[in-house]
Amino acid sequence: MKYLAAALLVVLVLLQYRLWLGDGGMREVRRLRAEIAAQMQENEALRERNRTLAAEVQDLKKGTAAIEERARTDLGMIGEGETFYQVVTDPSTVAGAGAAADEDDQGAGTR
C-alpha cells in the first residue's frame, strides 16, 4: 500500500510539473494570452486606419472638393480663375529687421 501511495504521489508531482512548467503549461498560456491582447490592439489600430482610408477613398470617388484639396496640398495646383501669390522674403532683410528690433528692446530697457 505504501508503494502505491508513493507511486501516485510521484505521478501527481509529474503531472503538476507538466501543468505549470511543461509545454502547453500555464506559463505558455499566459504568454499566448499576452500575445493575443497585443495583436488585438494592433488589429484595432489597423481597423481604424482602414476606416479612415476607406472614407477618404469614398470622398475622392464621390466629390470634387476632396480632389481639389489633394491637388492644392500635394501638387501645389490652383483652381481656374484663382490668382496665386507667393511672398518671398530676403533672408538678410528678415535678419536685419530682427536685429534692429532687439536693439530697440535693449535700448528701451536702459533709458
C-alpha atoms as a PDB file:
ATOM      1  CA  MET A   1       0.000   0.000   0.000  1.00  0.00           C
ATOM      2  CA  LYS A   2       2.910   2.355   0.763  1.00  0.00           C
ATOM      3  CA  TYR A   3       4.370   1.774  -2.679  1.00  0.00           C
ATOM      4  CA  LEU A   4       1.065   2.540  -4.355  1.00  0.00           C
ATOM      5  CA  ALA A   5       0.728   5.810  -2.419  1.00  0.00           C
ATOM      6  CA  ALA A   6       4.331   6.746  -3.272  1.00  0.00           C
ATOM      7  CA  ALA A   7       3.761   5.928  -6.959  1.00  0.00           C
ATOM      8  CA  LEU A   8       0.562   8.004  -7.023  1.00  0.00           C
ATOM      9  CA  LEU A   9       2.395  10.886  -5.337  1.00  0.00           C
ATOM     10  CA  VAL A  10       5.177  10.733  -7.965  1.00  0.00           C
ATOM     11  CA  VAL A  11       2.590  10.699 -10.771  1.00  0.00           C
ATOM     12  CA  LEU A  12       0.818  13.673  -9.195  1.00  0.00           C
ATOM     13  CA  VAL A  13       4.090  15.643  -8.934  1.00  0.00           C
ATOM     14  CA  LEU A  14       4.969  14.863 -12.566  1.00  0.00           C
ATOM     15  CA  LEU A  15       1.521  15.943 -13.754  1.00  0.00           C
ATOM     16  CA  GLN A  16       1.725  19.174 -11.749  1.00  0.00           C
ATOM     17  CA  TYR A  17       5.183  19.877 -13.183  1.00  0.00           C
ATOM     18  CA  ARG A  18       3.857  19.383 -16.699  1.00  0.00           C
ATOM     19  CA  LEU A  19       0.818  21.574 -15.941  1.00  0.00           C
ATOM     20  CA  TRP A  20       2.790  24.522 -14.569  1.00  0.00           C
ATOM     21  CA  LEU A  21       6.167  24.352 -16.317  1.00  0.00           C
ATOM     22  CA  GLY A  22       5.958  21.978 -19.312  1.00  0.00           C
ATOM     23  CA  ASP A  23       4.979  22.547 -22.947  1.00  0.00           C
ATOM     24  CA  GLY A  24       1.444  23.851 -23.151  1.00  0.00           C
ATOM     25  CA  GLY A  25       1.519  24.633 -19.442  1.00  0.00           C
ATOM     26  CA  MET A  26       0.266  27.673 -17.597  1.00  0.00           C
ATOM     27  CA  ARG A  27       3.389  29.735 -18.372  1.00  0.00           C
ATOM     28  CA  GLU A  28       2.841  29.291 -22.105  1.00  0.00           C
ATOM     29  CA  VAL A  29      -0.870  30.020 -21.753  1.00  0.00           C
ATOM     30  CA  ARG A  30      -0.078  33.357 -20.055  1.00  0.00           C
ATOM     31  CA  ARG A  31       2.458  34.237 -22.771  1.00  0.00           C
ATOM     32  CA  LEU A  32      -0.039  33.400 -25.511  1.00  0.00           C
ATOM     33  CA  ARG A  33      -2.767  35.460 -23.844  1.00  0.00           C
ATOM     34  CA  ALA A  34      -0.420  38.461 -23.697  1.00  0.00           C
ATOM     35  CA  GLU A  35       0.413  37.997 -27.396  1.00  0.00           C
ATOM     36  CA  ILE A  36      -3.285  37.787 -28.245  1.00  0.00           C
ATOM     37  CA  ALA A  37      -4.017  41.006 -26.350  1.00  0.00           C
ATOM     38  CA  ALA A  38      -1.191  42.828 -28.135  1.00  0.00           C
ATOM     39  CA  GLN A  39      -2.367  41.530 -31.506  1.00  0.00           C
ATOM     40  CA  MET A  40      -5.934  42.621 -30.783  1.00  0.00           C
ATOM     41  CA  GLN A  41      -4.734  46.166 -30.008  1.00  0.00           C
ATOM     42  CA  GLU A  42      -2.731  46.260 -33.222  1.00  0.00           C
ATOM     43  CA  ASN A  43      -5.712  44.926 -35.182  1.00  0.00           C
ATOM     44  CA  GLU A  44      -7.966  47.637 -33.762  1.00  0.00           C
ATOM     45  CA  ALA A  45      -5.479  50.350 -34.715  1.00  0.00           C
ATOM     46  CA  LEU A  46      -5.274  48.922 -38.231  1.00  0.00           C
ATOM     47  CA  ARG A  47      -9.086  48.706 -38.466  1.00  0.00           C
ATOM     48  CA  GLU A  48      -9.327  52.394 -37.572  1.00  0.00           C
ATOM     49  CA  ARG A  49      -6.695  53.236 -40.191  1.00  0.00           C
ATOM     50  CA  ASN A  50      -8.604  51.194 -42.775  1.00  0.00           C
ATOM     51  CA  ARG A  51     -11.845  53.010 -41.903  1.00  0.00           C
ATOM     52  CA  THR A  52     -10.105  56.356 -42.365  1.00  0.00           C
ATOM     53  CA  LEU A  53      -8.631  55.311 -45.701  1.00  0.00           C
ATOM     54  CA  ALA A  54     -11.966  53.897 -46.882  1.00  0.00           C
ATOM     55  CA  ALA A  55     -13.704  57.160 -46.024  1.00  0.00           C
ATOM     56  CA  GLU A  56     -11.039  59.096 -47.894  1.00  0.00           C
ATOM     57  CA  VAL A  57     -11.383  56.834 -50.945  1.00  0.00           C
ATOM     58  CA  GLN A  58     -15.162  57.229 -50.849  1.00  0.00           C
ATOM     59  CA  ASP A  59     -14.793  61.002 -50.589  1.00  0.00           C
ATOM     60  CA  LEU A  60     -12.385  61.053 -53.525  1.00  0.00           C
ATOM     61  CA  LYS A  61     -14.788  58.949 -55.632  1.00  0.00           C
ATOM     62  CA  LYS A  62     -17.909  60.972 -54.853  1.00  0.00           C
ATOM     63  CA  GLY A  63     -16.942  64.627 -54.646  1.00  0.00           C
ATOM     64  CA  THR A  64     -14.612  67.060 -56.297  1.00  0.00           C
ATOM     65  CA  ALA A  65     -13.853  69.001 -53.108  1.00  0.00           C
ATOM     66  CA  ALA A  66     -11.545  66.281 -51.811  1.00  0.00           C
ATOM     67  CA  ILE A  67      -9.816  66.007 -55.182  1.00  0.00           C
ATOM     68  CA  GLU A  68      -9.291  69.765 -55.283  1.00  0.00           C
ATOM     69  CA  GLU A  69      -7.917  69.742 -51.734  1.00  0.00           C
ATOM     70  CA  ARG A  70      -5.484  66.952 -52.644  1.00  0.00           C
ATOM     71  CA  ALA A  71      -4.369  68.837 -55.751  1.00  0.00           C
ATOM     72  CA  ARG A  72      -3.785  72.013 -53.733  1.00  0.00           C
ATOM     73  CA  THR A  73      -1.878  70.452 -50.859  1.00  0.00           C
ATOM     74  CA  ASP A  74       0.025  67.648 -52.580  1.00  0.00           C
ATOM     75  CA  LEU A  75       0.611  69.090 -56.041  1.00  0.00           C
ATOM     76  CA  GLY A  76       0.528  72.844 -55.388  1.00  0.00           C
ATOM     77  CA  MET A  77      -2.157  73.422 -58.022  1.00  0.00           C
ATOM     78  CA  ILE A  78      -4.599  76.340 -58.132  1.00  0.00           C
ATOM     79  CA  GLY A  79      -8.151  76.483 -59.385  1.00  0.00           C
ATOM     80  CA  GLU A  80      -9.404  78.173 -62.533  1.00  0.00           C
ATOM     81  CA  GLY A  81      -9.951  81.902 -62.019  1.00  0.00           C
ATOM     82  CA  GLU A  82      -7.772  81.974 -58.898  1.00  0.00           C
ATOM     83  CA  THR A  83      -4.627  84.054 -58.575  1.00  0.00           C
ATOM     84  CA  PHE A  84      -1.542  82.599 -56.965  1.00  0.00           C
ATOM     85  CA  TYR A  85       0.545  84.894 -54.786  1.00  0.00           C
ATOM     86  CA  GLN A  86       3.917  83.841 -53.458  1.00  0.00           C
ATOM     87  CA  VAL A  87       5.541  86.012 -50.825  1.00  0.00           C
ATOM     88  CA  VAL A  88       9.310  85.846 -50.973  1.00  0.00           C
ATOM     89  CA  THR A  89      11.347  87.470 -48.233  1.00  0.00           C
ATOM     90  CA  ASP A  90      15.009  88.363 -48.434  1.00  0.00           C
ATOM     91  CA  PRO A  91      16.807  86.487 -45.629  1.00  0.00           C
ATOM     92  CA  SER A  92      19.174  89.406 -44.994  1.00  0.00           C
ATOM     93  CA  THR A  93      16.238  91.816 -44.615  1.00  0.00           C
ATOM     94  CA  VAL A  94      14.500  89.492 -42.158  1.00  0.00           C
ATOM     95  CA  ALA A  95      17.694  89.029 -40.110  1.00  0.00           C
ATOM     96  CA  GLY A  96      18.384  92.783 -40.146  1.00  0.00           C
ATOM     97  CA  ALA A  97      14.841  93.604 -39.015  1.00  0.00           C
ATOM     98  CA  GLY A  98      15.140  91.135 -36.140  1.00  0.00           C
ATOM     99  CA  ALA A  99      18.460  92.642 -35.016  1.00  0.00           C
ATOM    100  CA  ALA A 100      17.024  96.172 -35.154  1.00  0.00           C
ATOM    101  CA  ALA A 101      14.064  95.122 -33.043  1.00  0.00           C
ATOM    102  CA  ASP A 102      16.415  93.560 -30.481  1.00  0.00           C
ATOM    103  CA  GLU A 103      18.439  96.787 -30.299  1.00  0.00           C
ATOM    104  CA  ASP A 104      15.263  98.796 -29.750  1.00  0.00           C
ATOM    105  CA  ASP A 105      14.193  96.443 -26.943  1.00  0.00           C
ATOM    106  CA  GLN A 106      17.585  96.715 -25.243  1.00  0.00           C
ATOM    107  CA  GLY A 107      17.688 100.489 -25.596  1.00  0.00           C
ATOM    108  CA  ALA A 108      14.210 100.834 -24.115  1.00  0.00           C
ATOM    109  CA  GLY A 109      15.236  98.912 -21.022  1.00  0.00           C
ATOM    110  CA  THR A 110      18.236 101.160 -20.221  1.00  0.00           C
ATOM    111  CA  ARG A 111      16.504 104.528 -20.572  1.00  0.00           C
END
